[in-house]
């Protein structure tokens, strides 16, 4: 019983750390998938531009929709056509989202999760 009482806090701390890291990894996978989806939308955005639409705005909206389980006010999305929207040029879509790993109220690690994808405009 004494040994269990001594080991239990360490095991609980380890378990909570694993849970926190799992949440951070889930957010990273969500951002990566959302950026990939937005980059694909931006790659076909030249056709949207010819129809009078805003391909950068539509790509950003799709990134935000794909990452709907994240806090939208913290999600920063950038759509950057590197050489305009001409066919064959590249468009870069990136997103950033803050993370924080805290154990028992103590912040162990914090920063920003970032993902960037480039696609060729069709």
PDB file of N, CA and C in Angstrom:
ATOM      1  N   UNK A   1       0.830  -1.189   0.000  1.00  0.00           N
ATOM      2  CA  UNK A   1       0.000   0.000   0.000  1.00  0.00           C
ATOM      3  C   UNK A   1       0.877   1.257   0.000  1.00  0.00           C
ATOM      4  N   UNK A   2       1.943   1.235   0.746  1.00  0.00           N
ATOM      5  CA  UNK A   2       2.837   2.389   0.810  1.00  0.00           C
ATOM      6  C   UNK A   2       3.515   2.627  -0.532  1.00  0.00           C
ATOM      7  N   UNK A   3       3.937   1.553  -1.164  1.00  0.00           N
ATOM      8  CA  UNK A   3       4.580   1.688  -2.465  1.00  0.00           C
ATOM      9  C   UNK A   3       3.604   2.223  -3.500  1.00  0.00           C
ATOM     10  N   UNK A   4       2.360   1.782  -3.439  1.00  0.00           N
ATOM     11  CA  UNK A   4       1.346   2.273  -4.360  1.00  0.00           C
ATOM     12  C   UNK A   4       1.121   3.767  -4.141  1.00  0.00           C
ATOM     13  N   UNK A   5       1.083   4.195  -2.885  1.00  0.00           N
ATOM     14  CA  UNK A   5       0.888   5.614  -2.572  1.00  0.00           C
ATOM     15  C   UNK A   5       2.065   6.456  -3.079  1.00  0.00           C
ATOM     16  N   UNK A   6       3.247   5.885  -3.107  1.00  0.00           N
ATOM     17  CA  UNK A   6       4.411   6.617  -3.594  1.00  0.00           C
ATOM     18  C   UNK A   6       4.450   6.666  -5.130  1.00  0.00           C
ATOM     19  N   UNK A   7       4.014   5.623  -5.784  1.00  0.00           N
ATOM     20  CA  UNK A   7       4.094   5.534  -7.245  1.00  0.00           C
ATOM     21  C   UNK A   7       2.882   6.175  -7.926  1.00  0.00           C
ATOM     22  N   UNK A   8       1.731   6.206  -7.269  1.00  0.00           N
ATOM     23  CA  UNK A   8       0.505   6.725  -7.882  1.00  0.00           C
ATOM     24  C   UNK A   8       0.646   8.155  -8.405  1.00  0.00           C
ATOM     25  N   UNK A   9       1.214   9.113  -7.682  1.00  0.00           N
ATOM     26  CA  UNK A   9       1.342  10.462  -8.247  1.00  0.00           C
ATOM     27  C   UNK A   9       2.206  10.507  -9.505  1.00  0.00           C
ATOM     28  N   UNK A  10       3.246   9.702  -9.541  1.00  0.00           N
ATOM     29  CA  UNK A  10       4.103   9.672 -10.723  1.00  0.00           C
ATOM     30  C   UNK A  10       3.341   9.089 -11.913  1.00  0.00           C
ATOM     31  N   UNK A  11       2.610   8.018 -11.682  1.00  0.00           N
ATOM     32  CA  UNK A  11       1.818   7.422 -12.759  1.00  0.00           C
ATOM     33  C   UNK A  11       0.717   8.356 -13.239  1.00  0.00           C
ATOM     34  N   UNK A  12       0.070   9.066 -12.312  1.00  0.00           N
ATOM     35  CA  UNK A  12      -0.977  10.014 -12.687  1.00  0.00           C
ATOM     36  C   UNK A  12      -0.390  11.164 -13.507  1.00  0.00           C
ATOM     37  N   UNK A  13       0.772  11.657 -13.110  1.00  0.00           N
ATOM     38  CA  UNK A  13       1.432  12.719 -13.848  1.00  0.00           C
ATOM     39  C   UNK A  13       1.811  12.255 -15.256  1.00  0.00           C
ATOM     40  N   UNK A  14       2.302  11.054 -15.357  1.00  0.00           N
ATOM     41  CA  UNK A  14       2.640  10.485 -16.654  1.00  0.00           C
ATOM     42  C   UNK A  14       1.394  10.325 -17.527  1.00  0.00           C
ATOM     43  N   UNK A  15       0.309   9.856 -16.955  1.00  0.00           N
ATOM     44  CA  UNK A  15      -0.942   9.686 -17.695  1.00  0.00           C
ATOM     45  C   UNK A  15      -1.472  11.024 -18.200  1.00  0.00           C
ATOM     46  N   UNK A  16      -1.471  12.048 -17.338  1.00  0.00           N
ATOM     47  CA  UNK A  16      -1.953  13.367 -17.758  1.00  0.00           C
ATOM     48  C   UNK A  16      -1.049  13.968 -18.839  1.00  0.00           C
ATOM     49  N   UNK A  17       0.254  13.707 -18.767  1.00  0.00           N
ATOM     50  CA  UNK A  17       1.169  14.178 -19.802  1.00  0.00           C
ATOM     51  C   UNK A  17       0.886  13.521 -21.141  1.00  0.00           C
ATOM     52  N   UNK A  18       0.615  12.236 -21.122  1.00  0.00           N
ATOM     53  CA  UNK A  18       0.293  11.521 -22.360  1.00  0.00           C
ATOM     54  C   UNK A  18      -1.005  12.056 -22.962  1.00  0.00           C
ATOM     55  N   UNK A  19      -1.979  12.345 -22.129  1.00  0.00           N
ATOM     56  CA  UNK A  19      -3.254  12.902 -22.610  1.00  0.00           C
ATOM     57  C   UNK A  19      -3.031  14.265 -23.241  1.00  0.00           C
ATOM     58  N   UNK A  20      -2.256  15.129 -22.583  1.00  0.00           N
ATOM     59  CA  UNK A  20      -1.976  16.467 -23.120  1.00  0.00           C
ATOM     60  C   UNK A  20      -1.243  16.386 -24.462  1.00  0.00           C
ATOM     61  N   UNK A  21      -0.259  15.512 -24.554  1.00  0.00           N
ATOM     62  CA  UNK A  21       0.477  15.363 -25.815  1.00  0.00           C
ATOM     63  C   UNK A  21      -0.419  14.789 -26.911  1.00  0.00           C
ATOM     64  N   UNK A  22      -1.350  13.927 -26.553  1.00  0.00           N
ATOM     65  CA  UNK A  22      -2.307  13.409 -27.524  1.00  0.00           C
ATOM     66  C   UNK A  22      -3.201  14.507 -28.073  1.00  0.00           C
ATOM     67  N   UNK A  23      -3.612  15.428 -27.227  1.00  0.00           N
ATOM     68  CA  UNK A  23      -4.437  16.554 -27.671  1.00  0.00           C
ATOM     69  C   UNK A  23      -3.651  17.453 -28.611  1.00  0.00           C
ATOM     70  N   UNK A  24      -2.390  17.730 -28.267  1.00  0.00           N
ATOM     71  CA  UNK A  24      -1.544  18.559 -29.129  1.00  0.00           C
ATOM     72  C   UNK A  24      -1.330  17.872 -30.484  1.00  0.00           C
ATOM     73  N   UNK A  25      -1.086  16.569 -30.475  1.00  0.00           N
ATOM     74  CA  UNK A  25      -0.892  15.842 -31.731  1.00  0.00           C
ATOM     75  C   UNK A  25      -2.163  15.855 -32.573  1.00  0.00           C
ATOM     76  N   UNK A  26      -3.323  15.736 -31.945  1.00  0.00           N
ATOM     77  CA  UNK A  26      -4.598  15.813 -32.657  1.00  0.00           C
ATOM     78  C   UNK A  26      -4.750  17.176 -33.327  1.00  0.00           C
ATOM     79  N   UNK A  27      -4.389  18.240 -32.635  1.00  0.00           N
ATOM     80  CA  UNK A  27      -4.472  19.576 -33.220  1.00  0.00           C
ATOM     81  C   UNK A  27      -3.515  19.704 -34.402  1.00  0.00           C
ATOM     82  N   UNK A  28      -2.326  19.127 -34.287  1.00  0.00           N
ATOM     83  CA  UNK A  28      -1.357  19.194 -35.382  1.00  0.00           C
ATOM     84  C   UNK A  28      -1.873  18.449 -36.613  1.00  0.00           C
ATOM     85  N   UNK A  29      -2.432  17.285 -36.422  1.00  0.00           N
ATOM     86  CA  UNK A  29      -2.967  16.517 -37.552  1.00  0.00           C
ATOM     87  C   UNK A  29      -4.141  17.264 -38.183  1.00  0.00           C
ATOM     88  N   UNK A  30      -4.973  17.892 -37.366  1.00  0.00           N
ATOM     89  CA  UNK A  30      -6.103  18.666 -37.878  1.00  0.00           C
ATOM     90  C   UNK A  30      -5.624  19.832 -38.728  1.00  0.00           C
ATOM     91  N   UNK A  31      -4.611  20.554 -38.240  1.00  0.00           N
ATOM     92  CA  UNK A  31      -4.085  21.696 -38.989  1.00  0.00           C
ATOM     93  C   UNK A  31      -3.441  21.232 -40.298  1.00  0.00           C
ATOM     94  N   UNK A  32      -2.685  20.161 -40.248  1.00  0.00           N
ATOM     95  CA  UNK A  32      -2.024  19.648 -41.443  1.00  0.00           C
ATOM     96  C   UNK A  32      -3.042  19.253 -42.514  1.00  0.00           C
ATOM     97  N   UNK A  33      -4.093  18.568 -42.106  1.00  0.00           N
ATOM     98  CA  UNK A  33      -5.128  18.165 -43.051  1.00  0.00           C
ATOM     99  C   UNK A  33      -5.881  19.383 -43.595  1.00  0.00           C
ATOM    100  N   UNK A  34      -6.170  20.349 -42.731  1.00  0.00           N
ATOM    101  CA  UNK A  34      -6.896  21.544 -43.158  1.00  0.00           C
ATOM    102  C   UNK A  34      -6.080  22.350 -44.159  1.00  0.00           C
ATOM    103  N   UNK A  35      -4.778  22.473 -43.934  1.00  0.00           N
ATOM    104  CA  UNK A  35      -3.912  23.213 -44.852  1.00  0.00           C
ATOM    105  C   UNK A  35      -3.833  22.498 -46.197  1.00  0.00           C
ATOM    106  N   UNK A  36      -3.759  21.184 -46.171  1.00  0.00           N
ATOM    107  CA  UNK A  36      -3.718  20.413 -47.425  1.00  0.00           C
ATOM    108  C   UNK A  36      -5.011  20.630 -48.220  1.00  0.00           C
ATOM    109  N   UNK A  37      -6.133  20.631 -47.532  1.00  0.00           N
ATOM    110  CA  UNK A  37      -7.419  20.852 -48.195  1.00  0.00           C
ATOM    111  C   UNK A  37      -7.501  22.262 -48.770  1.00  0.00           C
ATOM    112  N   UNK A  38      -7.067  23.244 -47.997  1.00  0.00           N
ATOM    113  CA  UNK A  38      -7.081  24.631 -48.474  1.00  0.00           C
ATOM    114  C   UNK A  38      -6.140  24.849 -49.642  1.00  0.00           C
ATOM    115  N   UNK A  39      -4.983  24.184 -49.627  1.00  0.00           N
ATOM    116  CA  UNK A  39      -4.036  24.328 -50.736  1.00  0.00           C
ATOM    117  C   UNK A  39      -4.612  23.737 -52.009  1.00  0.00           C
ATOM    118  N   UNK A  40      -5.330  22.653 -51.887  1.00  0.00           N
ATOM    119  CA  UNK A  40      -5.953  22.064 -53.072  1.00  0.00           C
ATOM    120  C   UNK A  40      -7.008  23.008 -53.643  1.00  0.00           C
ATOM    121  N   UNK A  41      -7.784  23.635 -52.769  1.00  0.00           N
ATOM    122  CA  UNK A  41      -8.792  24.597 -53.209  1.00  0.00           C
ATOM    123  C   UNK A  41      -8.114  25.798 -53.879  1.00  0.00           C
ATOM    124  N   UNK A  42      -6.989  26.244 -53.308  1.00  0.00           N
ATOM    125  CA  UNK A  42      -6.278  27.376 -53.897  1.00  0.00           C
ATOM    126  C   UNK A  42      -5.655  27.002 -55.242  1.00  0.00           C
ATOM    127  N   UNK A  43      -5.257  25.742 -55.393  1.00  0.00           N
ATOM    128  CA  UNK A  43      -4.642  25.311 -56.652  1.00  0.00           C
ATOM    129  C   UNK A  43      -5.623  25.381 -57.807  1.00  0.00           C
ATOM    130  N   UNK A  44      -6.869  25.162 -57.552  1.00  0.00           N
ATOM    131  CA  UNK A  44      -7.881  25.280 -58.601  1.00  0.00           C
ATOM    132  C   UNK A  44      -8.551  26.653 -58.540  1.00  0.00           C
ATOM    133  N   UNK A  45      -7.962  27.563 -57.767  1.00  0.00           N
ATOM    134  CA  UNK A  45      -8.530  28.884 -57.555  1.00  0.00           C
ATOM    135  C   UNK A  45      -8.494  29.800 -58.753  1.00  0.00           C
ATOM    136  N   UNK A  46      -7.637  29.502 -59.716  1.00  0.00           N
ATOM    137  CA  UNK A  46      -7.576  30.339 -60.910  1.00  0.00           C
ATOM    138  C   UNK A  46      -8.919  30.334 -61.623  1.00  0.00           C
ATOM    139  N   UNK A  47      -9.594  29.199 -61.597  1.00  0.00           N
ATOM    140  CA  UNK A  47     -10.913  29.095 -62.225  1.00  0.00           C
ATOM    141  C   UNK A  47     -11.933  29.916 -61.450  1.00  0.00           C
ATOM    142  N   UNK A  48     -11.773  29.964 -60.134  1.00  0.00           N
ATOM    143  CA  UNK A  48     -12.664  30.789 -59.303  1.00  0.00           C
ATOM    144  C   UNK A  48     -12.424  32.261 -59.601  1.00  0.00           C
ATOM    145  N   UNK A  49     -11.143  32.621 -59.789  1.00  0.00           N
ATOM    146  CA  UNK A  49     -10.772  34.004 -60.077  1.00  0.00           C
ATOM    147  C   UNK A  49     -11.365  34.463 -61.402  1.00  0.00           C
ATOM    148  N   UNK A  50     -11.377  33.581 -62.386  1.00  0.00           N
ATOM    149  CA  UNK A  50     -11.944  33.936 -63.686  1.00  0.00           C
ATOM    150  C   UNK A  50     -13.453  34.159 -63.579  1.00  0.00           C
ATOM    151  N   UNK A  51     -14.085  33.516 -62.625  1.00  0.00           N
ATOM    152  CA  UNK A  51     -15.521  33.696 -62.427  1.00  0.00           C
ATOM    153  C   UNK A  51     -15.853  34.877 -61.533  1.00  0.00           C
ATOM    154  N   UNK A  52     -14.849  35.674 -61.154  1.00  0.00           N
ATOM    155  CA  UNK A  52     -15.086  36.859 -60.331  1.00  0.00           C
ATOM    156  C   UNK A  52     -15.034  36.583 -58.838  1.00  0.00           C
ATOM    157  N   UNK A  53     -14.601  35.380 -58.426  1.00  0.00           N
ATOM    158  CA  UNK A  53     -14.537  35.046 -57.005  1.00  0.00           C
ATOM    159  C   UNK A  53     -13.184  35.368 -56.395  1.00  0.00           C
ATOM    160  N   UNK A  54     -13.053  35.096 -55.128  1.00  0.00           N
ATOM    161  CA  UNK A  54     -11.822  35.332 -54.371  1.00  0.00           C
ATOM    162  C   UNK A  54     -11.232  33.978 -53.975  1.00  0.00           C
ATOM    163  N   UNK A  55     -10.248  33.458 -54.718  1.00  0.00           N
ATOM    164  CA  UNK A  55      -9.711  32.132 -54.405  1.00  0.00           C
ATOM    165  C   UNK A  55      -8.994  32.080 -53.061  1.00  0.00           C
ATOM    166  N   UNK A  56      -8.310  33.154 -52.678  1.00  0.00           N
ATOM    167  CA  UNK A  56      -7.617  33.164 -51.386  1.00  0.00           C
ATOM    168  C   UNK A  56      -8.627  33.124 -50.245  1.00  0.00           C
ATOM    169  N   UNK A  57      -9.686  33.876 -50.370  1.00  0.00           N
ATOM    170  CA  UNK A  57     -10.723  33.876 -49.338  1.00  0.00           C
ATOM    171  C   UNK A  57     -11.438  32.542 -49.236  1.00  0.00           C
ATOM    172  N   UNK A  58     -11.687  31.918 -50.380  1.00  0.00           N
ATOM    173  CA  UNK A  58     -12.350  30.620 -50.365  1.00  0.00           C
ATOM    174  C   UNK A  58     -11.443  29.534 -49.811  1.00  0.00           C
ATOM    175  N   UNK A  59     -10.143  29.618 -50.107  1.00  0.00           N
ATOM    176  CA  UNK A  59      -9.197  28.646 -49.560  1.00  0.00           C
ATOM    177  C   UNK A  59      -9.087  28.803 -48.047  1.00  0.00           C
ATOM    178  N   UNK A  60      -9.033  30.045 -47.569  1.00  0.00           N
ATOM    179  CA  UNK A  60      -8.972  30.278 -46.121  1.00  0.00           C
ATOM    180  C   UNK A  60     -10.241  29.794 -45.439  1.00  0.00           C
ATOM    181  N   UNK A  61     -11.392  30.046 -46.055  1.00  0.00           N
ATOM    182  CA  UNK A  61     -12.653  29.580 -45.478  1.00  0.00           C
ATOM    183  C   UNK A  61     -12.689  28.054 -45.403  1.00  0.00           C
ATOM    184  N   UNK A  62     -12.131  27.389 -46.397  1.00  0.00           N
ATOM    185  CA  UNK A  62     -12.107  25.929 -46.395  1.00  0.00           C
ATOM    186  C   UNK A  62     -11.149  25.396 -45.330  1.00  0.00           C
ATOM    187  N   UNK A  63     -10.015  26.071 -45.125  1.00  0.00           N
ATOM    188  CA  UNK A  63      -9.101  25.675 -44.047  1.00  0.00           C
ATOM    189  C   UNK A  63      -9.807  25.794 -42.707  1.00  0.00           C
ATOM    190  N   UNK A  64     -10.487  26.891 -42.486  1.00  0.00           N
ATOM    191  CA  UNK A  64     -11.197  27.091 -41.217  1.00  0.00           C
ATOM    192  C   UNK A  64     -12.335  26.082 -41.039  1.00  0.00           C
ATOM    193  N   UNK A  65     -13.017  25.763 -42.126  1.00  0.00           N
ATOM    194  CA  UNK A  65     -14.098  24.768 -42.041  1.00  0.00           C
ATOM    195  C   UNK A  65     -13.539  23.380 -41.749  1.00  0.00           C
ATOM    196  N   UNK A  66     -12.370  23.072 -42.322  1.00  0.00           N
ATOM    197  CA  UNK A  66     -11.762  21.759 -42.080  1.00  0.00           C
ATOM    198  C   UNK A  66     -11.225  21.631 -40.668  1.00  0.00           C
ATOM    199  N   UNK A  67     -10.887  22.750 -40.058  1.00  0.00           N
ATOM    200  CA  UNK A  67     -10.386  22.752 -38.680  1.00  0.00           C
ATOM    201  C   UNK A  67     -11.443  23.329 -37.741  1.00  0.00           C
ATOM    202  N   UNK A  68     -12.675  22.894 -37.930  1.00  0.00           N
ATOM    203  CA  UNK A  68     -13.786  23.484 -37.183  1.00  0.00           C
ATOM    204  C   UNK A  68     -13.766  23.165 -35.691  1.00  0.00           C
ATOM    205  N   UNK A  69     -13.060  22.092 -35.288  1.00  0.00           N
ATOM    206  CA  UNK A  69     -13.021  21.764 -33.865  1.00  0.00           C
ATOM    207  C   UNK A  69     -11.976  22.576 -33.102  1.00  0.00           C
ATOM    208  N   UNK A  70     -11.184  23.383 -33.797  1.00  0.00           N
ATOM    209  CA  UNK A  70     -10.217  24.256 -33.147  1.00  0.00           C
ATOM    210  C   UNK A  70     -10.853  25.617 -32.876  1.00  0.00           C
ATOM    211  N   UNK A  71     -10.270  26.360 -31.950  1.00  0.00           N
ATOM    212  CA  UNK A  71     -10.744  27.702 -31.645  1.00  0.00           C
ATOM    213  C   UNK A  71     -10.397  28.609 -32.825  1.00  0.00           C
ATOM    214  N   UNK A  72     -11.397  29.083 -33.537  1.00  0.00           N
ATOM    215  CA  UNK A  72     -11.182  29.827 -34.774  1.00  0.00           C
ATOM    216  C   UNK A  72     -10.488  31.168 -34.551  1.00  0.00           C
ATOM    217  N   UNK A  73     -10.666  31.769 -33.388  1.00  0.00           N
ATOM    218  CA  UNK A  73     -10.002  33.058 -33.149  1.00  0.00           C
ATOM    219  C   UNK A  73      -8.497  32.892 -32.955  1.00  0.00           C
ATOM    220  N   UNK A  74      -8.045  31.704 -32.568  1.00  0.00           N
ATOM    221  CA  UNK A  74      -6.608  31.448 -32.400  1.00  0.00           C
ATOM    222  C   UNK A  74      -5.950  30.923 -33.668  1.00  0.00           C
ATOM    223  N   UNK A  75      -6.736  30.460 -34.617  1.00  0.00           N
ATOM    224  CA  UNK A  75      -6.209  29.886 -35.843  1.00  0.00           C
ATOM    225  C   UNK A  75      -5.832  30.996 -36.820  1.00  0.00           C
ATOM    226  N   UNK A  76      -4.563  31.035 -37.220  1.00  0.00           N
ATOM    227  CA  UNK A  76      -4.076  32.028 -38.176  1.00  0.00           C
ATOM    228  C   UNK A  76      -3.824  31.322 -39.514  1.00  0.00           C
ATOM    229  N   UNK A  77      -4.495  31.795 -40.567  1.00  0.00           N
ATOM    230  CA  UNK A  77      -4.386  31.175 -41.886  1.00  0.00           C
ATOM    231  C   UNK A  77      -3.843  32.199 -42.875  1.00  0.00           C
ATOM    232  N   UNK A  78      -2.883  31.765 -43.703  1.00  0.00           N
ATOM    233  CA  UNK A  78      -2.304  32.632 -44.726  1.00  0.00           C
ATOM    234  C   UNK A  78      -2.333  31.905 -46.063  1.00  0.00           C
ATOM    235  N   UNK A  79      -2.885  32.566 -47.071  1.00  0.00           N
ATOM    236  CA  UNK A  79      -2.881  32.050 -48.439  1.00  0.00           C
ATOM    237  C   UNK A  79      -2.046  33.014 -49.266  1.00  0.00           C
ATOM    238  N   UNK A  80      -0.959  32.503 -49.855  1.00  0.00           N
ATOM    239  CA  UNK A  80      -0.009  33.352 -50.543  1.00  0.00           C
ATOM    240  C   UNK A  80       0.273  32.815 -51.950  1.00  0.00           C
ATOM    241  N   UNK A  81      -0.334  33.433 -52.981  1.00  0.00           N
ATOM    242  CA  UNK A  81       0.054  33.040 -54.345  1.00  0.00           C
ATOM    243  C   UNK A  81       1.443  33.618 -54.626  1.00  0.00           C
ATOM    244  N   UNK A  82       2.432  32.747 -54.816  1.00  0.00           N
ATOM    245  CA  UNK A  82       3.825  33.184 -54.893  1.00  0.00           C
ATOM    246  C   UNK A  82       4.123  34.006 -56.149  1.00  0.00           C
ATOM    247  N   UNK A  83       3.436  33.734 -57.240  1.00  0.00           N
ATOM    248  CA  UNK A  83       3.657  34.498 -58.474  1.00  0.00           C
ATOM    249  C   UNK A  83       2.322  34.867 -59.105  1.00  0.00           C
ATOM    250  N   UNK A  84       1.370  35.231 -58.288  1.00  0.00           N
ATOM    251  CA  UNK A  84       0.040  35.533 -58.799  1.00  0.00           C
ATOM    252  C   UNK A  84      -0.751  34.259 -59.028  1.00  0.00           C
ATOM    253  N   UNK A  85      -1.876  34.399 -59.660  1.00  0.00           N
ATOM    254  CA  UNK A  85      -2.750  33.250 -59.881  1.00  0.00           C
ATOM    255  C   UNK A  85      -2.598  32.710 -61.299  1.00  0.00           C
ATOM    256  N   UNK A  86      -1.438  32.897 -61.907  1.00  0.00           N
ATOM    257  CA  UNK A  86      -1.239  32.386 -63.265  1.00  0.00           C
ATOM    258  C   UNK A  86      -1.031  30.873 -63.232  1.00  0.00           C
ATOM    259  N   UNK A  87      -1.418  30.243 -64.305  1.00  0.00           N
ATOM    260  CA  UNK A  87      -1.313  28.790 -64.396  1.00  0.00           C
ATOM    261  C   UNK A  87       0.152  28.362 -64.343  1.00  0.00           C
ATOM    262  N   UNK A  88       0.446  27.367 -63.522  1.00  0.00           N
ATOM    263  CA  UNK A  88       1.802  26.865 -63.369  1.00  0.00           C
ATOM    264  C   UNK A  88       2.574  27.488 -62.228  1.00  0.00           C
ATOM    265  N   UNK A  89       2.076  28.587 -61.661  1.00  0.00           N
ATOM    266  CA  UNK A  89       2.754  29.186 -60.508  1.00  0.00           C
ATOM    267  C   UNK A  89       2.348  28.443 -59.237  1.00  0.00           C
ATOM    268  N   UNK A  90       3.064  28.691 -58.174  1.00  0.00           N
ATOM    269  CA  UNK A  90       2.782  28.011 -56.909  1.00  0.00           C
ATOM    270  C   UNK A  90       1.964  28.898 -55.983  1.00  0.00           C
ATOM    271  N   UNK A  91       1.149  28.250 -55.173  1.00  0.00           N
ATOM    272  CA  UNK A  91       0.412  28.933 -54.118  1.00  0.00           C
ATOM    273  C   UNK A  91       0.739  28.217 -52.809  1.00  0.00           C
ATOM    274  N   UNK A  92       0.987  28.994 -51.775  1.00  0.00           N
ATOM    275  CA  UNK A  92       1.350  28.449 -50.474  1.00  0.00           C
ATOM    276  C   UNK A  92       0.244  28.756 -49.472  1.00  0.00           C
ATOM    277  N   UNK A  93      -0.181  27.731 -48.752  1.00  0.00           N
ATOM    278  CA  UNK A  93      -1.192  27.892 -47.710  1.00  0.00           C
ATOM    279  C   UNK A  93      -0.560  27.439 -46.400  1.00  0.00           C
ATOM    280  N   UNK A  94      -0.632  28.292 -45.385  1.00  0.00           N
ATOM    281  CA  UNK A  94      -0.061  27.936 -44.092  1.00  0.00           C
ATOM    282  C   UNK A  94      -1.040  28.301 -42.986  1.00  0.00           C
ATOM    283  N   UNK A  95      -0.913  27.591 -41.876  1.00  0.00           N
ATOM    284  CA  UNK A  95      -1.758  27.842 -40.712  1.00  0.00           C
ATOM    285  C   UNK A  95      -0.909  27.698 -39.458  1.00  0.00           C
ATOM    286  N   UNK A  96      -1.302  28.433 -38.447  1.00  0.00           N
ATOM    287  CA  UNK A  96      -0.604  28.400 -37.171  1.00  0.00           C
ATOM    288  C   UNK A  96      -1.645  28.361 -36.061  1.00  0.00           C
ATOM    289  N   UNK A  97      -1.370  27.572 -35.030  1.00  0.00           N
ATOM    290  CA  UNK A  97      -2.298  27.428 -33.912  1.00  0.00           C
ATOM    291  C   UNK A  97      -1.485  27.248 -32.631  1.00  0.00           C
ATOM    292  N   UNK A  98      -1.804  28.003 -31.582  1.00  0.00           N
ATOM    293  CA  UNK A  98      -1.014  27.892 -30.347  1.00  0.00           C
ATOM    294  C   UNK A  98      -1.333  26.607 -29.583  1.00  0.00           C
ATOM    295  N   UNK A  99      -0.326  26.100 -28.882  1.00  0.00           N
ATOM    296  CA  UNK A  99      -0.530  24.940 -28.019  1.00  0.00           C
ATOM    297  C   UNK A  99       0.120  25.198 -26.673  1.00  0.00           C
ATOM    298  N   UNK A 100      -0.324  24.445 -25.692  1.00  0.00           N
ATOM    299  CA  UNK A 100       0.229  24.557 -24.342  1.00  0.00           C
ATOM    300  C   UNK A 100       0.059  23.217 -23.639  1.00  0.00           C
ATOM    301  N   UNK A 101       1.150  22.679 -23.136  1.00  0.00           N
ATOM    302  CA  UNK A 101       1.122  21.439 -22.364  1.00  0.00           C
ATOM    303  C   UNK A 101       1.353  21.830 -20.918  1.00  0.00           C
ATOM    304  N   UNK A 102       0.351  21.580 -20.084  1.00  0.00           N
ATOM    305  CA  UNK A 102       0.486  21.923 -18.671  1.00  0.00           C
ATOM    306  C   UNK A 102       0.160  20.697 -17.820  1.00  0.00           C
ATOM    307  N   UNK A 103       0.952  20.505 -16.809  1.00  0.00           N
ATOM    308  CA  UNK A 103       0.756  19.409 -15.862  1.00  0.00           C
ATOM    309  C   UNK A 103       0.588  19.994 -14.476  1.00  0.00           C
ATOM    310  N   UNK A 104      -0.556  19.738 -13.880  1.00  0.00           N
ATOM    311  CA  UNK A 104      -0.894  20.248 -12.550  1.00  0.00           C
ATOM    312  C   UNK A 104      -0.774  21.760 -12.472  1.00  0.00           C
ATOM    313  N   UNK A 105      -1.174  22.426 -13.531  1.00  0.00           N
ATOM    314  CA  UNK A 105      -1.151  23.879 -13.561  1.00  0.00           C
ATOM    315  C   UNK A 105       0.192  24.482 -13.925  1.00  0.00           C
ATOM    316  N   UNK A 106       1.199  23.676 -14.130  1.00  0.00           N
ATOM    317  CA  UNK A 106       2.525  24.163 -14.497  1.00  0.00           C
ATOM    318  C   UNK A 106       2.705  23.964 -16.002  1.00  0.00           C
ATOM    319  N   UNK A 107       3.013  25.029 -16.711  1.00  0.00           N
ATOM    320  CA  UNK A 107       3.193  24.955 -18.155  1.00  0.00           C
ATOM    321  C   UNK A 107       4.552  24.319 -18.439  1.00  0.00           C
ATOM    322  N   UNK A 108       4.522  23.159 -19.056  1.00  0.00           N
ATOM    323  CA  UNK A 108       5.736  22.422 -19.380  1.00  0.00           C
ATOM    324  C   UNK A 108       6.273  22.871 -20.732  1.00  0.00           C
ATOM    325  N   UNK A 109       5.379  23.066 -21.689  1.00  0.00           N
ATOM    326  CA  UNK A 109       5.783  23.457 -23.029  1.00  0.00           C
ATOM    327  C   UNK A 109       4.659  24.256 -23.670  1.00  0.00           C
ATOM    328  N   UNK A 110       5.040  25.236 -24.473  1.00  0.00           N
ATOM    329  CA  UNK A 110       4.045  26.007 -25.226  1.00  0.00           C
ATOM    330  C   UNK A 110       4.706  26.546 -26.481  1.00  0.00           C
ATOM    331  N   UNK A 111       3.894  26.924 -27.418  1.00  0.00           N
ATOM    332  CA  UNK A 111       4.405  27.448 -28.680  1.00  0.00           C
ATOM    333  C   UNK A 111       3.310  27.461 -29.719  1.00  0.00           C
ATOM    334  N   UNK A 112       3.696  27.383 -30.979  1.00  0.00           N
ATOM    335  CA  UNK A 112       2.743  27.382 -32.078  1.00  0.00           C
ATOM    336  C   UNK A 112       2.954  26.152 -32.941  1.00  0.00           C
ATOM    337  N   UNK A 113       1.858  25.514 -33.293  1.00  0.00           N
ATOM    338  CA  UNK A 113       1.875  24.437 -34.273  1.00  0.00           C
ATOM    339  C   UNK A 113       1.708  25.092 -35.636  1.00  0.00           C
ATOM    340  N   UNK A 114       2.560  24.754 -36.580  1.00  0.00           N
ATOM    341  CA  UNK A 114       2.452  25.340 -37.909  1.00  0.00           C
ATOM    342  C   UNK A 114       2.474  24.248 -38.963  1.00  0.00           C
ATOM    343  N   UNK A 115       1.779  24.500 -40.047  1.00  0.00           N
ATOM    344  CA  UNK A 115       1.774  23.600 -41.193  1.00  0.00           C
ATOM    345  C   UNK A 115       1.701  24.448 -42.451  1.00  0.00           C
ATOM    346  N   UNK A 116       2.449  24.051 -43.465  1.00  0.00           N
ATOM    347  CA  UNK A 116       2.482  24.771 -44.737  1.00  0.00           C
ATOM    348  C   UNK A 116       2.454  23.757 -45.879  1.00  0.00           C
ATOM    349  N   UNK A 117       1.675  24.082 -46.894  1.00  0.00           N
ATOM    350  CA  UNK A 117       1.612  23.239 -48.090  1.00  0.00           C
ATOM    351  C   UNK A 117       1.661  24.129 -49.324  1.00  0.00           C
ATOM    352  N   UNK A 118       2.426  23.695 -50.327  1.00  0.00           N
ATOM    353  CA  UNK A 118       2.473  24.400 -51.611  1.00  0.00           C
ATOM    354  C   UNK A 118       1.873  23.517 -52.690  1.00  0.00           C
ATOM    355  N   UNK A 119       1.091  24.136 -53.546  1.00  0.00           N
ATOM    356  CA  UNK A 119       0.517  23.428 -54.703  1.00  0.00           C
ATOM    357  C   UNK A 119       0.694  24.288 -55.935  1.00  0.00           C
ATOM    358  N   UNK A 120       0.731  23.644 -57.075  1.00  0.00           N
ATOM    359  CA  UNK A 120       0.848  24.349 -58.343  1.00  0.00           C
ATOM    360  C   UNK A 120      -0.552  24.707 -58.826  1.00  0.00           C
ATOM    361  N   UNK A 121      -0.714  25.971 -59.232  1.00  0.00           N
ATOM    362  CA  UNK A 121      -2.006  26.454 -59.712  1.00  0.00           C
ATOM    363  C   UNK A 121      -2.321  25.810 -61.054  1.00  0.00           C
ATOM    364  N   UNK A 122      -3.508  25.253 -61.158  1.00  0.00           N
ATOM    365  CA  UNK A 122      -3.913  24.582 -62.395  1.00  0.00           C
ATOM    366  C   UNK A 122      -4.531  25.534 -63.372  1.00  0.00           C
TER     367      UNK A 122
END
